[in-house]
Amino acid sequence: MVLLSNVRTLASDLADAFAEFSVPSEPPREQGFKDTTEGRALLTTLRLVGRTDDLVALRTLLALRKGMGVKTADSIAETAIEKDYRYESLFYASLSERSFGKR
């Protein structure tokens, strides 16, 4: 396995080198729309239209928010557990402004 730090710069040189030595290889894929932030948001929204209790889609939607890192997501999960909220409630129910901290 070869990991490329700059696909555009190295891809053709590596492909030539692999071909010269008859090493089977696959060119790196370009980033598809579904792998972009916008694409993930659209596909997640479509999943939720079909099934509002799709917990994976809800978690993905949460992760796509700017500033949402592991610590913030963990804090939200801990607060939800502590206050006995269902995960769906974080998205669909009216929660008190005091339910969570400022962040």
C-alpha atoms as a PDB file:
ATOM      1  CA  MET A   1       0.000   0.000   0.000  1.00  0.00           C
ATOM      2  CA  VAL A   2       1.309   3.411  -0.901  1.00  0.00           C
ATOM      3  CA  LEU A   3      -0.029   6.509   0.793  1.00  0.00           C
ATOM      4  CA  LEU A   4       0.268   9.680  -1.228  1.00  0.00           C
ATOM      5  CA  SER A   5       0.682  13.047   0.378  1.00  0.00           C
ATOM      6  CA  ASN A   6       0.132  14.909  -2.878  1.00  0.00           C
ATOM      7  CA  VAL A   7      -1.812  12.783  -5.335  1.00  0.00           C
ATOM      8  CA  ARG A   8      -1.540  15.129  -8.301  1.00  0.00           C
ATOM      9  CA  THR A   9       2.222  15.386  -8.050  1.00  0.00           C
ATOM     10  CA  LEU A  10       3.104  11.747  -7.458  1.00  0.00           C
ATOM     11  CA  ALA A  11       0.362   9.722  -9.141  1.00  0.00           C
ATOM     12  CA  SER A  12       1.720   9.698 -12.705  1.00  0.00           C
ATOM     13  CA  ASP A  13       5.321   9.016 -11.600  1.00  0.00           C
ATOM     14  CA  LEU A  14       4.204   6.121  -9.429  1.00  0.00           C
ATOM     15  CA  ALA A  15       1.942   4.717 -12.143  1.00  0.00           C
ATOM     16  CA  ASP A  16       4.873   4.755 -14.594  1.00  0.00           C
ATOM     17  CA  ALA A  17       7.172   3.077 -12.062  1.00  0.00           C
ATOM     18  CA  PHE A  18       4.602   0.406 -11.255  1.00  0.00           C
ATOM     19  CA  ALA A  19       4.019  -0.279 -14.954  1.00  0.00           C
ATOM     20  CA  GLU A  20       7.771  -0.511 -15.625  1.00  0.00           C
ATOM     21  CA  PHE A  21       8.075  -3.331 -13.098  1.00  0.00           C
ATOM     22  CA  SER A  22       4.698  -4.928 -13.908  1.00  0.00           C
ATOM     23  CA  VAL A  23       3.318  -4.168 -10.466  1.00  0.00           C
ATOM     24  CA  PRO A  24      -0.477  -4.140 -10.503  1.00  0.00           C
ATOM     25  CA  SER A  25      -1.829  -0.865  -9.208  1.00  0.00           C
ATOM     26  CA  GLU A  26      -4.919   1.287  -9.172  1.00  0.00           C
ATOM     27  CA  PRO A  27      -4.840   5.044  -9.626  1.00  0.00           C
ATOM     28  CA  PRO A  28      -6.085   7.017  -6.626  1.00  0.00           C
ATOM     29  CA  ARG A  29      -9.704   8.045  -6.798  1.00  0.00           C
ATOM     30  CA  GLU A  30     -10.670  11.640  -7.064  1.00  0.00           C
ATOM     31  CA  GLN A  31     -12.823  12.830  -4.188  1.00  0.00           C
ATOM     32  CA  GLY A  32     -16.415  12.221  -5.166  1.00  0.00           C
ATOM     33  CA  PHE A  33     -19.313  14.461  -4.238  1.00  0.00           C
ATOM     34  CA  LYS A  34     -20.487  11.999  -1.593  1.00  0.00           C
ATOM     35  CA  ASP A  35     -17.136  12.368   0.175  1.00  0.00           C
ATOM     36  CA  THR A  36     -17.378  16.162   0.471  1.00  0.00           C
ATOM     37  CA  THR A  37     -18.988  17.923   3.419  1.00  0.00           C
ATOM     38  CA  GLU A  38     -21.861  19.037   1.210  1.00  0.00           C
ATOM     39  CA  GLY A  39     -22.322  15.562  -0.228  1.00  0.00           C
ATOM     40  CA  ARG A  40     -22.338  13.949   3.213  1.00  0.00           C
ATOM     41  CA  ALA A  41     -24.854  16.532   4.430  1.00  0.00           C
ATOM     42  CA  LEU A  42     -27.160  15.900   1.471  1.00  0.00           C
ATOM     43  CA  LEU A  43     -27.007  12.107   1.753  1.00  0.00           C
ATOM     44  CA  THR A  44     -27.533  12.318   5.514  1.00  0.00           C
ATOM     45  CA  THR A  45     -30.565  14.542   5.055  1.00  0.00           C
ATOM     46  CA  LEU A  46     -32.016  12.147   2.495  1.00  0.00           C
ATOM     47  CA  ARG A  47     -31.521   9.256   4.919  1.00  0.00           C
ATOM     48  CA  LEU A  48     -33.378  11.209   7.603  1.00  0.00           C
ATOM     49  CA  VAL A  49     -36.250  12.004   5.234  1.00  0.00           C
ATOM     50  CA  GLY A  50     -36.708   8.274   4.784  1.00  0.00           C
ATOM     51  CA  ARG A  51     -36.255   7.373   8.433  1.00  0.00           C
ATOM     52  CA  THR A  52     -36.181   9.968  11.187  1.00  0.00           C
ATOM     53  CA  ASP A  53     -34.789   7.531  13.771  1.00  0.00           C
ATOM     54  CA  ASP A  54     -31.626   6.770  11.767  1.00  0.00           C
ATOM     55  CA  LEU A  55     -29.089   7.204  14.577  1.00  0.00           C
ATOM     56  CA  VAL A  56     -26.085   6.943  12.264  1.00  0.00           C
ATOM     57  CA  ALA A  57     -27.452   9.734  10.081  1.00  0.00           C
ATOM     58  CA  LEU A  58     -28.164  11.870  13.156  1.00  0.00           C
ATOM     59  CA  ARG A  59     -24.613  11.344  14.429  1.00  0.00           C
ATOM     60  CA  THR A  60     -23.217  12.192  10.985  1.00  0.00           C
ATOM     61  CA  LEU A  61     -25.274  15.363  10.866  1.00  0.00           C
ATOM     62  CA  LEU A  62     -23.969  16.347  14.292  1.00  0.00           C
ATOM     63  CA  ALA A  63     -20.376  15.663  13.240  1.00  0.00           C
ATOM     64  CA  LEU A  64     -20.732  17.862  10.156  1.00  0.00           C
ATOM     65  CA  ARG A  65     -21.352  20.971  12.256  1.00  0.00           C
ATOM     66  CA  LYS A  66     -18.443  23.387  12.308  1.00  0.00           C
ATOM     67  CA  GLY A  67     -16.493  23.140  15.542  1.00  0.00           C
ATOM     68  CA  MET A  68     -17.851  19.707  16.386  1.00  0.00           C
ATOM     69  CA  GLY A  69     -14.945  17.612  17.548  1.00  0.00           C
ATOM     70  CA  VAL A  70     -14.586  14.481  19.593  1.00  0.00           C
ATOM     71  CA  LYS A  71     -14.625  16.353  22.925  1.00  0.00           C
ATOM     72  CA  THR A  72     -17.776  18.300  22.082  1.00  0.00           C
ATOM     73  CA  ALA A  73     -19.571  15.192  20.803  1.00  0.00           C
ATOM     74  CA  ASP A  74     -18.534  13.305  23.942  1.00  0.00           C
ATOM     75  CA  SER A  75     -19.779  16.144  26.136  1.00  0.00           C
ATOM     76  CA  ILE A  76     -23.147  16.096  24.362  1.00  0.00           C
ATOM     77  CA  ALA A  77     -23.405  12.324  24.787  1.00  0.00           C
ATOM     78  CA  GLU A  78     -22.506  12.510  28.483  1.00  0.00           C
ATOM     79  CA  THR A  79     -25.064  15.256  29.120  1.00  0.00           C
ATOM     80  CA  ALA A  80     -27.741  13.312  27.246  1.00  0.00           C
ATOM     81  CA  ILE A  81     -27.034  10.211  29.332  1.00  0.00           C
ATOM     82  CA  GLU A  82     -26.933  12.198  32.560  1.00  0.00           C
ATOM     83  CA  LYS A  83     -30.282  13.865  31.820  1.00  0.00           C
ATOM     84  CA  ASP A  84     -31.836  10.663  30.452  1.00  0.00           C
ATOM     85  CA  TYR A  85     -32.464  12.065  26.948  1.00  0.00           C
ATOM     86  CA  ARG A  86     -32.996   9.831  23.958  1.00  0.00           C
ATOM     87  CA  TYR A  87     -30.535  10.587  21.171  1.00  0.00           C
ATOM     88  CA  GLU A  88     -33.382  11.581  18.835  1.00  0.00           C
ATOM     89  CA  SER A  89     -34.546  14.132  21.419  1.00  0.00           C
ATOM     90  CA  LEU A  90     -31.383  16.139  20.849  1.00  0.00           C
ATOM     91  CA  PHE A  91     -32.590  16.807  17.308  1.00  0.00           C
ATOM     92  CA  TYR A  92     -36.377  16.721  17.396  1.00  0.00           C
ATOM     93  CA  ALA A  93     -37.562  17.716  20.886  1.00  0.00           C
ATOM     94  CA  SER A  94     -37.734  21.179  22.420  1.00  0.00           C
ATOM     95  CA  LEU A  95     -35.038  21.155  25.068  1.00  0.00           C
ATOM     96  CA  SER A  96     -34.411  23.732  27.739  1.00  0.00           C
ATOM     97  CA  GLU A  97     -31.646  26.217  26.963  1.00  0.00           C
ATOM     98  CA  ARG A  98     -30.077  25.088  30.220  1.00  0.00           C
ATOM     99  CA  SER A  99     -29.883  21.473  29.037  1.00  0.00           C
ATOM    100  CA  PHE A 100     -26.388  21.983  27.713  1.00  0.00           C
ATOM    101  CA  GLY A 101     -23.542  24.378  28.317  1.00  0.00           C
ATOM    102  CA  LYS A 102     -22.790  27.385  26.154  1.00  0.00           C
ATOM    103  CA  ARG A 103     -20.904  25.346  23.603  1.00  0.00           C
END
